[in-house]
């Protein structure tokens, strides 16, 4: 999933654009640009800890092949009266490259981004923060507990939202002073977050691919698959899986150092059984308690079920339970408050147990780790823009969870408007897109569908030039239609191919209803 936003700006001072990197990339210039203590409530800068050094023709940003010249800066602050220490790394473009922008990169799982250079390709100052617990080298789950039973709430709030917020507040003040801008000038601010991963399930691809109107190896309409495809139809089909050695990130998110795990599976063959289909169907149906009340949604049909996979034990020559590390660790550390990296087993764990764990987590971390606040009025009223997308066949985070959040924002912020009026109001600042065939914020080798490549430029045009998108530009990266450009449909419209080269964005009530959920297993609203 990716989110981005921005705010209006004024022009740079002429003196700033005329300065060289050597002129501005000095400790004294950075110190003079620091916010005075007392101006940012609760933040006290430590000027003696400032460093600044010029970096020439270096690569920057995750996976970037471009090189950039910039000023590498570190600043340190404490929370007033607390005596702690938070280090922030900033990368300042050379003055001729600076385009009045500040960029914040999201992390993944329990890790904040440690890369401070992600904004350079956009002419933006960008940063990375230690969050007070050395987030450059440790992930938050490493420090969430002081010991059994005691939560590190300082780290929890910093990881949840405080650290990036403070990095941005300090960074925007620092940016103005660094480049000689007036204190009243404004800077465009962007946030971008994403992760990687995923592969798919061949049987459902073959069955559901044609339902969207084009047979291209991509399920563009998982809703039609859900409405029209019966998993029982594959009972008795033969299957063959070659022996393989695979590496997985577990629940999509790993620890900072290396959360990957490698497993070897033997050659397998046989026929699909009714029991196997029942297991898959139960997973696709989503979590319910023992009363049959829904507690959570599930992945779309066409997503792989890797988080529910068993694992082959070479020593015992048996298939055994495989608890994804991030999911199991969340239970042990965040719910049971035990400093254990995973659950050892699921003995005596029922569906009601799972629902209880979820309820404890929602209540305990409501104001820190929960990211489902549906009233975005302050963000919207300040001129913010939000571009939100989700891979439709994401095997880690169900795509329907993003649909549910979009629906929550719409219902909470525009409860008295008609359907069409609320859609129009929301699309003016918050747009959501499902990416056909895509996995966990990445392309799919087994579903070679479209993937958006220039979201930041779309955001920049929307924020700075008032060019509001109505569809999302995406490119097919592999397969029969490699290189094809597709303008993806803005939710709640859905794609329907009319030929091999043309699709329309259609309104389909039954399909939209298939994405709509309520969660009666909980007594509080779930947004």
Protein backbone atom coordinates (compact mmCIF):
# COMPACT_ATOMS: atom_id res chain seq x y z
CA UNK A 1 0.00 0.00 0.00
CA UNK A 2 1.24 3.56 -0.79
CA UNK A 3 0.15 6.92 0.67
CA UNK A 4 1.34 10.36 -0.38
CA UNK A 5 0.40 13.93 0.53
CA UNK A 6 1.45 17.52 0.04
CA UNK A 7 0.83 21.16 0.99
CA UNK A 8 1.29 24.48 -0.80
CA UNK A 9 4.65 26.35 -1.04
CA UNK A 10 6.11 29.75 -1.86
CA UNK A 11 9.05 30.48 -4.18
CA UNK A 12 12.64 30.06 -3.04
CA UNK A 13 14.68 33.12 -2.20
CA UNK A 14 16.93 34.06 -5.10
CA UNK A 15 20.00 33.87 -2.88
CA UNK A 16 19.35 30.24 -2.07
CA UNK A 17 19.28 29.07 -5.67
CA UNK A 18 22.49 30.96 -6.38
CA UNK A 19 24.39 29.35 -3.50
CA UNK A 20 26.69 26.38 -4.04
CA UNK A 21 26.69 23.16 -2.01
CA UNK A 22 29.93 24.24 -0.38
CA UNK A 23 28.26 27.49 0.74
CA UNK A 24 25.40 25.79 2.57
CA UNK A 25 26.81 22.39 3.59
CA UNK A 26 28.54 23.55 6.74
CA UNK A 27 28.01 22.87 10.43
CA UNK A 28 27.58 26.58 11.11
CA UNK A 29 24.84 26.94 8.47
CA UNK A 30 22.96 23.93 9.83
CA UNK A 31 23.27 25.19 13.41
CA UNK A 32 21.93 28.59 12.43
CA UNK A 33 18.99 26.92 10.70
CA UNK A 34 17.94 24.81 13.70
CA UNK A 35 14.60 25.69 15.28
CA UNK A 36 15.15 27.67 18.48
CA UNK A 37 14.39 25.70 21.60
CA UNK A 38 10.87 26.48 22.73
CA UNK A 39 9.50 27.07 19.24
CA UNK A 40 8.63 23.40 18.66
CA UNK A 41 6.75 22.31 21.76
CA UNK A 42 8.47 19.45 23.58
CA UNK A 43 11.59 19.46 21.39
CA UNK A 44 15.02 20.77 22.48
CA UNK A 45 17.77 20.75 19.87
CA UNK A 46 21.40 19.94 20.74
CA UNK A 47 23.46 22.21 18.43
CA UNK A 48 26.81 20.75 19.52
CA UNK A 49 25.86 17.40 17.98
CA UNK A 50 25.33 18.74 14.43
CA UNK A 51 27.38 17.25 11.59
CA UNK A 52 27.44 18.23 7.91
CA UNK A 53 29.42 16.83 5.00
CA UNK A 54 29.11 17.06 1.23
CA UNK A 55 28.54 13.85 -0.76
CA UNK A 56 29.33 13.86 -4.48
CA UNK A 57 27.90 11.65 -7.24
CA UNK A 58 26.56 8.97 -4.91
CA UNK A 59 23.67 6.59 -5.45
CA UNK A 60 20.60 7.42 -3.41
CA UNK A 61 17.21 5.96 -2.63
CA UNK A 62 16.17 2.32 -2.44
CA UNK A 63 17.06 0.68 -5.76
CA UNK A 64 17.89 3.94 -7.53
CA UNK A 65 20.42 3.84 -10.35
CA UNK A 66 20.88 7.62 -10.48
CA UNK A 67 23.64 9.48 -8.65
CA UNK A 68 23.23 12.69 -6.69
CA UNK A 69 25.29 15.36 -4.99
CA UNK A 70 23.91 16.39 -1.61
CA UNK A 71 24.68 17.47 1.93
CA UNK A 72 24.60 14.71 4.53
CA UNK A 73 23.45 16.20 7.84
CA UNK A 74 22.79 14.77 11.29
CA UNK A 75 21.01 16.62 14.07
CA UNK A 76 20.15 15.50 17.57
CA UNK A 77 17.35 16.53 19.91
CA UNK A 78 15.80 15.53 23.20
CA UNK A 79 12.27 15.70 24.48
CA UNK A 80 12.30 18.71 26.76
CA UNK A 81 13.18 17.74 30.32
CA UNK A 82 13.39 14.05 29.53
CA UNK A 83 17.10 13.61 28.92
CA UNK A 84 16.67 11.20 26.01
CA UNK A 85 18.40 11.49 22.64
CA UNK A 86 16.99 11.22 19.11
CA UNK A 87 19.27 11.37 16.07
CA UNK A 88 17.98 12.37 12.64
CA UNK A 89 19.82 12.00 9.33
CA UNK A 90 18.87 14.42 6.55
CA UNK A 91 19.94 14.56 2.90
CA UNK A 92 19.79 18.08 1.40
CA UNK A 93 19.98 18.34 -2.41
CA UNK A 94 22.52 20.78 -3.77
CA UNK A 95 20.79 24.18 -4.09
CA UNK A 96 20.36 23.99 -7.88
CA UNK A 97 18.51 20.67 -7.49
CA UNK A 98 16.21 21.71 -4.63
CA UNK A 99 12.57 22.02 -5.68
CA UNK A 100 10.93 23.23 -2.46
CA UNK A 101 9.95 19.75 -1.31
CA UNK A 102 10.29 17.66 1.83
CA UNK A 103 9.96 13.87 1.53
CA UNK A 104 9.25 11.22 4.16
CA UNK A 105 9.65 7.51 3.43
CA UNK A 106 7.59 4.87 5.21
CA UNK A 107 9.06 1.66 6.55
CA UNK A 108 7.77 -1.91 6.61
CA UNK A 109 6.50 -4.17 9.34
CA UNK A 110 8.18 -3.16 12.60
CA UNK A 111 10.99 -1.19 10.93
CA UNK A 112 11.21 2.49 10.11
CA UNK A 113 13.11 3.48 6.99
CA UNK A 114 16.83 3.94 7.64
CA UNK A 115 17.45 5.58 4.25
CA UNK A 116 17.62 9.38 4.35
CA UNK A 117 18.15 9.88 0.61
CA UNK A 118 14.83 8.80 -0.89
CA UNK A 119 13.72 12.34 -1.72
CA UNK A 120 16.75 13.35 -3.78
CA UNK A 121 15.30 12.12 -7.08
CA UNK A 122 12.38 14.51 -6.55
CA UNK A 123 14.51 17.51 -5.58
CA UNK A 124 13.38 17.07 -1.98
CA UNK A 125 15.04 17.15 1.40
CA UNK A 126 14.46 13.81 3.10
CA UNK A 127 15.32 12.17 6.39
CA UNK A 128 15.49 9.10 8.60
CA UNK A 129 15.20 8.95 12.37
CA UNK A 130 16.60 6.82 15.17
CA UNK A 131 13.26 7.31 16.95
CA UNK A 132 15.15 7.30 20.27
CA UNK A 133 15.72 3.53 20.19
CA UNK A 134 18.34 3.33 17.41
CA UNK A 135 15.86 2.49 14.67
CA UNK A 136 18.77 2.58 12.21
CA UNK A 137 19.92 -0.78 13.57
CA UNK A 138 16.95 -2.22 15.44
CA UNK A 139 13.32 -2.77 14.61
CA UNK A 140 10.61 -1.69 17.02
CA UNK A 141 9.69 -5.25 17.99
CA UNK A 142 13.22 -5.63 19.38
CA UNK A 143 12.52 -2.91 21.96
CA UNK A 144 8.75 -3.01 22.53
CA UNK A 145 9.23 -4.64 25.94
CA UNK A 146 11.56 -3.55 28.73
CA UNK A 147 11.01 -7.04 30.10
CA UNK A 148 8.18 -9.49 30.54
CA UNK A 149 4.99 -7.59 31.27
CA UNK A 150 6.36 -4.06 30.78
CA UNK A 151 5.67 -2.16 27.55
CA UNK A 152 8.14 0.43 26.30
CA UNK A 153 5.55 3.10 25.63
CA UNK A 154 8.13 5.72 24.60
CA UNK A 155 9.29 3.49 21.74
CA UNK A 156 5.69 2.54 20.94
CA UNK A 157 4.55 6.12 20.41
CA UNK A 158 7.73 7.05 18.57
CA UNK A 159 7.38 4.11 16.20
CA UNK A 160 3.63 4.60 15.79
CA UNK A 161 3.73 8.20 14.60
CA UNK A 162 5.72 10.57 16.82
CA UNK A 163 9.22 10.04 15.41
CA UNK A 164 8.31 10.72 11.77
CA UNK A 165 6.15 13.66 12.81
CA UNK A 166 8.96 15.27 14.76
CA UNK A 167 11.46 14.54 11.98
CA UNK A 168 9.16 16.39 9.59
CA UNK A 169 8.54 19.38 11.88
CA UNK A 170 12.25 19.85 12.51
CA UNK A 171 13.14 19.12 8.89
CA UNK A 172 10.83 21.73 7.41
CA UNK A 173 12.21 24.46 9.68
CA UNK A 174 15.74 23.30 8.96
CA UNK A 175 15.06 23.25 5.21
CA UNK A 176 13.98 26.90 5.13
CA UNK A 177 17.03 28.04 7.08
CA UNK A 178 19.44 25.80 5.18
CA UNK A 179 18.47 27.27 1.80
CA UNK A 180 17.90 30.83 3.02
CA UNK A 181 14.13 30.78 2.61
CA UNK A 182 11.96 33.16 4.61
CA UNK A 183 10.37 31.77 7.76
CA UNK A 184 6.92 32.34 6.27
CA UNK A 185 7.68 30.29 3.16
CA UNK A 186 5.96 26.95 2.79
CA UNK A 187 7.40 23.66 1.62
CA UNK A 188 5.55 20.87 -0.21
CA UNK A 189 5.56 17.79 2.00
CA UNK A 190 5.19 14.23 0.69
CA UNK A 191 4.94 10.87 2.41
CA UNK A 192 5.46 7.61 0.52
CA UNK A 193 5.29 4.11 1.96
CA UNK A 194 5.44 0.63 0.41
CA UNK A 195 6.71 -3.00 0.73
CA UNK A 196 7.45 -5.95 -1.62
CA UNK A 197 6.58 -9.58 -2.31
CA UNK A 198 4.20 -12.25 -3.57
CA UNK A 199 3.33 -15.03 -6.02
CA UNK A 200 -0.05 -16.59 -6.87
CA UNK A 201 -2.14 -19.76 -7.15
CA UNK A 202 -2.41 -21.26 -10.63
CA UNK A 203 -5.80 -23.02 -10.31
CA UNK A 204 -7.73 -19.87 -9.47
CA UNK A 205 -5.87 -17.82 -12.06
CA UNK A 206 -6.91 -20.23 -14.82
CA UNK A 207 -10.52 -20.28 -13.64
CA UNK A 208 -10.98 -16.57 -12.92
CA UNK A 209 -8.74 -14.88 -15.48
CA UNK A 210 -11.42 -14.73 -18.24
CA UNK A 211 -14.10 -13.26 -15.95
CA UNK A 212 -12.79 -9.71 -16.44
CA UNK A 213 -13.28 -9.95 -20.21
CA UNK A 214 -9.68 -10.69 -21.27
CA UNK A 215 -7.58 -13.83 -20.85
CA UNK A 216 -4.17 -12.39 -20.06
CA UNK A 217 -2.95 -14.31 -17.01
CA UNK A 218 -4.28 -11.64 -14.64
CA UNK A 219 -7.35 -11.71 -12.39
CA UNK A 220 -8.46 -8.10 -12.79
CA UNK A 221 -11.76 -8.82 -11.07
CA UNK A 222 -11.27 -10.87 -7.92
CA UNK A 223 -14.78 -9.83 -6.94
CA UNK A 224 -16.23 -11.65 -9.96
CA UNK A 225 -14.04 -14.60 -9.05
CA UNK A 226 -15.52 -14.59 -5.56
CA UNK A 227 -19.07 -14.34 -6.91
CA UNK A 228 -18.74 -16.91 -9.71
CA UNK A 229 -15.97 -19.39 -8.96
CA UNK A 230 -16.63 -22.39 -6.73
CA UNK A 231 -13.47 -23.84 -5.22
CA UNK A 232 -15.17 -27.23 -5.06
CA UNK A 233 -14.97 -27.39 -8.84
CA UNK A 234 -11.26 -28.27 -8.64
CA UNK A 235 -11.79 -31.31 -6.39
CA UNK A 236 -10.23 -34.30 -8.11
CA UNK A 237 -7.94 -32.25 -10.36
CA UNK A 238 -4.41 -33.56 -10.54
CA UNK A 239 -1.52 -31.43 -9.37
CA UNK A 240 2.25 -31.65 -9.48
CA UNK A 241 4.77 -29.51 -7.60
CA UNK A 242 8.47 -29.97 -8.20
CA UNK A 243 10.88 -30.06 -5.28
CA UNK A 244 12.14 -26.58 -4.45
CA UNK A 245 14.12 -24.49 -2.05
CA UNK A 246 12.43 -21.18 -1.31
CA UNK A 247 13.11 -18.11 0.77
CA UNK A 248 10.33 -16.21 2.47
CA UNK A 249 10.05 -12.98 4.46
CA UNK A 250 7.36 -14.55 6.58
CA UNK A 251 4.47 -12.17 7.03
CA UNK A 252 5.84 -9.82 4.40
CA UNK A 253 7.83 -7.77 6.83
CA UNK A 254 11.13 -8.99 8.39
CA UNK A 255 13.36 -7.69 11.10
CA UNK A 256 15.92 -5.05 10.23
CA UNK A 257 18.86 -7.45 9.91
CA UNK A 258 17.42 -10.48 8.15
CA UNK A 259 14.01 -11.94 8.86
CA UNK A 260 14.06 -14.31 5.92
CA UNK A 261 13.70 -18.05 6.28
CA UNK A 262 14.70 -20.73 3.81
CA UNK A 263 12.85 -24.02 3.43
CA UNK A 264 13.08 -27.06 1.20
CA UNK A 265 10.00 -28.94 0.06
CA UNK A 266 9.91 -32.34 -1.62
CA UNK A 267 8.29 -33.19 -4.92
CA UNK A 268 4.52 -33.49 -4.56
CA UNK A 269 1.76 -34.86 -6.73
CA UNK A 270 -1.78 -36.11 -6.33
CA UNK A 271 -5.35 -34.93 -6.65
CA UNK A 272 -7.08 -31.99 -4.97
CA UNK A 273 -9.16 -33.31 -2.09
CA UNK A 274 -12.42 -32.09 -0.59
CA UNK A 275 -10.61 -31.60 2.70
CA UNK A 276 -8.00 -29.40 1.05
CA UNK A 277 -10.66 -27.29 -0.63
CA UNK A 278 -12.48 -26.92 2.69
CA UNK A 279 -9.32 -25.60 4.34
CA UNK A 280 -8.78 -23.07 1.54
CA UNK A 281 -12.43 -22.00 1.59
CA UNK A 282 -12.32 -21.50 5.36
CA UNK A 283 -9.30 -19.23 4.96
CA UNK A 284 -10.95 -17.25 2.14
CA UNK A 285 -14.13 -16.88 4.23
CA UNK A 286 -12.21 -14.93 6.87
CA UNK A 287 -12.13 -15.17 10.65
CA UNK A 288 -15.37 -15.74 12.58
CA UNK A 289 -15.86 -16.49 16.26
CA UNK A 290 -17.66 -19.57 17.55
CA UNK A 291 -21.00 -17.75 17.24
CA UNK A 292 -20.41 -17.25 13.53
CA UNK A 293 -19.83 -13.50 13.94
CA UNK A 294 -17.27 -12.05 11.55
CA UNK A 295 -14.06 -10.75 13.13
CA UNK A 296 -11.94 -10.13 10.03
CA UNK A 297 -11.92 -10.37 6.26
CA UNK A 298 -9.47 -12.41 4.21
CA UNK A 299 -7.44 -12.35 1.03
CA UNK A 300 -9.14 -12.24 -2.33
CA UNK A 301 -9.42 -15.49 -4.27
CA UNK A 302 -6.36 -15.51 -6.50
CA UNK A 303 -4.02 -14.49 -3.67
CA UNK A 304 -1.64 -17.14 -2.46
CA UNK A 305 -2.11 -18.53 1.04
CA UNK A 306 1.56 -18.43 2.01
CA UNK A 307 0.90 -17.09 5.50
CA UNK A 308 -1.12 -20.24 6.15
CA UNK A 309 1.37 -22.69 4.62
CA UNK A 310 2.63 -25.71 6.49
CA UNK A 311 6.36 -26.43 6.33
CA UNK A 312 8.24 -29.60 5.49
CA UNK A 313 10.44 -30.98 8.25
CA UNK A 314 13.31 -32.84 6.61
CA UNK A 315 14.24 -34.52 9.89
CA UNK A 316 10.82 -36.06 10.49
CA UNK A 317 9.73 -36.17 6.82
CA UNK A 318 6.43 -34.58 7.84
CA UNK A 319 4.47 -31.44 7.12
CA UNK A 320 4.23 -29.29 10.24
CA UNK A 321 2.62 -26.06 11.37
CA UNK A 322 4.41 -22.90 10.26
CA UNK A 323 3.64 -19.76 12.28
CA UNK A 324 4.82 -16.63 10.43
CA UNK A 325 7.30 -14.89 12.71
CA UNK A 326 5.74 -11.45 12.64
CA UNK A 327 2.26 -12.72 13.39
CA UNK A 328 3.39 -15.03 16.16
CA UNK A 329 5.67 -12.40 17.65
CA UNK A 330 2.83 -9.90 17.75
CA UNK A 331 0.92 -12.29 20.00
CA UNK A 332 3.83 -13.14 22.31
CA UNK A 333 5.26 -9.64 22.70
CA UNK A 334 2.35 -7.28 22.13
CA UNK A 335 -0.54 -9.30 23.54
CA UNK A 336 0.95 -11.76 26.05
CA UNK A 337 3.75 -9.28 26.92
CA UNK A 338 6.37 -12.03 26.89
CA UNK A 339 9.80 -11.41 25.36
CA UNK A 340 9.51 -14.30 22.91
CA UNK A 341 10.09 -14.09 19.15
CA UNK A 342 7.24 -16.42 18.18
CA UNK A 343 4.57 -18.78 19.39
CA UNK A 344 5.86 -22.31 19.78
CA UNK A 345 2.55 -23.89 18.76
CA UNK A 346 -1.18 -23.25 18.47
CA UNK A 347 -2.28 -25.87 20.97
CA UNK A 348 -5.68 -25.00 22.50
CA UNK A 349 -5.92 -21.88 20.32
CA UNK A 350 -9.47 -21.51 18.98
CA UNK A 351 -11.09 -18.94 16.72
CA UNK A 352 -12.39 -17.27 19.89
CA UNK A 353 -8.81 -17.07 21.14
CA UNK A 354 -7.79 -15.27 17.95
CA UNK A 355 -10.66 -12.81 18.34
CA UNK A 356 -9.70 -12.17 21.96
CA UNK A 357 -6.12 -11.46 20.91
CA UNK A 358 -7.36 -9.02 18.28
CA UNK A 359 -9.61 -7.25 20.75
CA UNK A 360 -6.81 -6.86 23.30
CA UNK A 361 -4.54 -5.37 20.63
CA UNK A 362 -7.15 -2.95 19.34
CA UNK A 363 -7.94 -1.60 22.80
CA UNK A 364 -4.37 -1.56 24.14
CA UNK A 365 -2.85 0.21 21.15
CA UNK A 366 -5.84 2.30 20.06
CA UNK A 367 -3.94 5.59 20.33
CA UNK A 368 -0.51 4.40 19.23
CA UNK A 369 -0.29 1.56 16.71
CA UNK A 370 -3.80 1.63 15.26
CA UNK A 371 -3.79 3.30 11.83
CA UNK A 372 -7.49 3.30 11.07
CA UNK A 373 -8.68 6.73 12.24
CA UNK A 374 -11.40 7.53 9.69
CA UNK A 375 -11.85 11.24 10.39
CA UNK A 376 -9.18 12.87 8.24
CA UNK A 377 -10.76 16.33 8.41
CA UNK A 378 -7.62 18.12 9.71
CA UNK A 379 -5.56 16.60 6.89
CA UNK A 380 -8.18 17.39 4.24
CA UNK A 381 -8.87 20.93 5.45
CA UNK A 382 -5.16 21.78 5.39
CA UNK A 383 -5.02 20.96 1.67
CA UNK A 384 -3.66 17.43 1.93
CA UNK A 385 -3.94 14.98 -0.95
CA UNK A 386 -3.89 11.21 -0.53
CA UNK A 387 -3.21 8.57 -3.20
CA UNK A 388 -3.88 5.10 -1.84
CA UNK A 389 -3.47 1.84 -3.73
CA UNK A 390 -3.44 -1.85 -2.92
CA UNK A 391 -2.45 -4.96 -4.87
CA UNK A 392 -5.68 -6.86 -5.49
CA UNK A 393 -3.99 -10.24 -4.96
CA UNK A 394 -1.89 -9.16 -1.97
CA UNK A 395 -1.08 -12.34 0.02
CA UNK A 396 -0.08 -10.55 3.24
CA UNK A 397 -2.46 -7.62 3.77
CA UNK A 398 -5.96 -8.32 2.41
CA UNK A 399 -6.93 -5.79 -0.27
CA UNK A 400 -10.43 -5.60 1.22
CA UNK A 401 -8.95 -4.00 4.35
CA UNK A 402 -8.05 -0.93 2.28
CA UNK A 403 -11.50 -0.91 0.70
CA UNK A 404 -13.02 -1.03 4.18
CA UNK A 405 -10.89 1.91 5.33
CA UNK A 406 -11.89 3.98 2.28
CA UNK A 407 -15.54 3.17 3.01
CA UNK A 408 -15.03 4.19 6.65
CA UNK A 409 -13.57 7.58 5.73
CA UNK A 410 -16.41 8.20 3.30
CA UNK A 411 -19.13 7.30 5.82
CA UNK A 412 -17.59 9.23 8.72
CA UNK A 413 -16.70 12.41 6.84
CA UNK A 414 -19.70 12.64 4.51
CA UNK A 415 -22.59 10.95 6.34
CA UNK A 416 -25.28 13.35 5.11
CA UNK A 417 -24.34 13.54 1.44
CA UNK A 418 -25.80 11.42 -1.31
CA UNK A 419 -23.73 8.60 -2.78
CA UNK A 420 -22.63 10.63 -5.80
CA UNK A 421 -21.97 13.78 -3.78
CA UNK A 422 -19.78 11.96 -1.26
CA UNK A 423 -17.83 10.26 -4.08
CA UNK A 424 -17.13 13.62 -5.69
CA UNK A 425 -16.07 15.24 -2.42
CA UNK A 426 -13.78 12.36 -1.50
CA UNK A 427 -12.15 12.11 -4.93
CA UNK A 428 -11.10 15.75 -4.68
CA UNK A 429 -8.46 14.82 -2.08
CA UNK A 430 -8.49 11.04 -1.41
CA UNK A 431 -8.36 8.53 -4.26
CA UNK A 432 -8.10 4.75 -3.94
CA UNK A 433 -7.06 2.22 -6.59
CA UNK A 434 -6.94 -1.57 -6.69
CA UNK A 435 -4.04 -2.89 -8.79
CA UNK A 436 -5.15 -5.99 -10.77
CA UNK A 437 -3.03 -9.06 -10.09
CA UNK A 438 -0.51 -7.20 -7.94
CA UNK A 439 0.79 -8.75 -4.75
CA UNK A 440 2.11 -7.05 -1.60
CA UNK A 441 3.00 -3.68 -3.08
CA UNK A 442 4.85 -5.31 -5.93
CA UNK A 443 4.43 -6.98 -9.29
CA UNK A 444 3.67 -10.67 -9.70
CA UNK A 445 5.61 -13.23 -11.73
CA UNK A 446 2.53 -15.46 -12.05
CA UNK A 447 0.09 -12.61 -12.72
CA UNK A 448 1.91 -10.28 -15.11
CA UNK A 449 -0.42 -7.36 -14.65
CA UNK A 450 -0.04 -3.58 -14.61
CA UNK A 451 1.82 -1.72 -11.91
CA UNK A 452 1.97 2.05 -11.30
CA UNK A 453 5.47 3.38 -11.87
CA UNK A 454 5.21 7.14 -11.42
CA UNK A 455 2.98 7.77 -8.42
CA UNK A 456 5.18 10.51 -6.99
CA UNK A 457 4.99 12.45 -10.24
CA UNK A 458 1.21 11.99 -10.21
CA UNK A 459 1.16 13.36 -6.67
CA UNK A 460 3.45 16.26 -7.51
CA UNK A 461 1.25 17.25 -10.46
CA UNK A 462 -1.83 17.01 -8.26
CA UNK A 463 -0.36 18.98 -5.35
CA UNK A 464 1.76 21.56 -7.13
CA UNK A 465 -0.04 21.97 -10.46
CA UNK A 466 -3.62 21.13 -9.43
CA UNK A 467 -3.79 18.30 -12.00
CA UNK A 468 -6.24 15.98 -10.28
CA UNK A 469 -6.00 12.36 -11.47
CA UNK A 470 -9.13 10.44 -12.39
CA UNK A 471 -7.32 7.16 -13.26
CA UNK A 472 -3.91 5.78 -12.31
CA UNK A 473 -1.18 5.27 -14.90
CA UNK A 474 0.24 1.72 -14.79
CA UNK A 475 2.53 -0.37 -17.01
CA UNK A 476 2.56 -4.12 -17.60
CA UNK A 477 6.12 -5.22 -16.79
CA UNK A 478 6.14 -8.77 -18.18
CA UNK A 479 4.21 -11.41 -20.09
CA UNK A 480 2.22 -11.23 -23.33
CA UNK A 481 1.27 -7.58 -22.83
CA UNK A 482 4.62 -6.33 -21.55
CA UNK A 483 4.93 -2.57 -22.00
CA UNK A 484 1.19 -1.99 -22.28
CA UNK A 485 -0.06 1.12 -20.49
CA UNK A 486 -3.28 0.79 -18.54
CA UNK A 487 -5.14 3.68 -16.92
CA UNK A 488 -6.49 1.94 -13.85
CA UNK A 489 -9.98 2.51 -12.52
CA UNK A 490 -10.55 4.67 -9.48
CA UNK A 491 -12.51 2.85 -6.81
CA UNK A 492 -15.42 2.12 -6.61
CA UNK A 493 -15.50 1.57 -10.39
CA UNK A 494 -14.07 -1.72 -11.68
CA UNK A 495 -12.39 -2.71 -14.96
CA UNK A 496 -14.20 -4.77 -17.59
CA UNK A 497 -12.41 -5.55 -20.84
CA UNK A 498 -14.45 -5.01 -24.00
CA UNK A 499 -11.69 -6.32 -26.25
CA UNK A 500 -8.06 -7.35 -25.92
CA UNK A 501 -7.05 -3.71 -26.06
CA UNK A 502 -9.82 -1.76 -24.34
CA UNK A 503 -11.50 -1.88 -20.95
CA UNK A 504 -14.11 0.32 -19.29
CA UNK A 505 -14.47 1.36 -15.69
CA UNK A 506 -17.92 0.12 -14.69
CA UNK A 507 -20.20 0.41 -11.68
CA UNK A 508 -21.15 -3.02 -10.41
CA UNK A 509 -23.20 -3.10 -7.20
CA UNK A 510 -22.92 -6.85 -6.66
CA UNK A 511 -19.15 -6.69 -7.00
CA UNK A 512 -18.83 -3.73 -4.66
CA UNK A 513 -21.07 -5.48 -2.14
CA UNK A 514 -18.65 -8.42 -2.19
CA UNK A 515 -15.96 -6.07 -0.87
CA UNK A 516 -18.17 -4.74 1.93
CA UNK A 517 -17.89 -6.17 5.44
CA UNK A 518 -19.07 -5.59 8.98
CA UNK A 519 -17.48 -7.07 12.09
CA UNK A 520 -20.11 -7.99 14.69
CA UNK A 521 -17.61 -10.06 16.69
CA UNK A 522 -16.43 -6.77 18.23
CA UNK A 523 -18.44 -4.36 20.35
CA UNK A 524 -16.56 -1.32 19.04
CA UNK A 525 -16.53 -0.05 15.44
CA UNK A 526 -13.78 -1.46 13.22
CA UNK A 527 -12.60 1.08 10.66
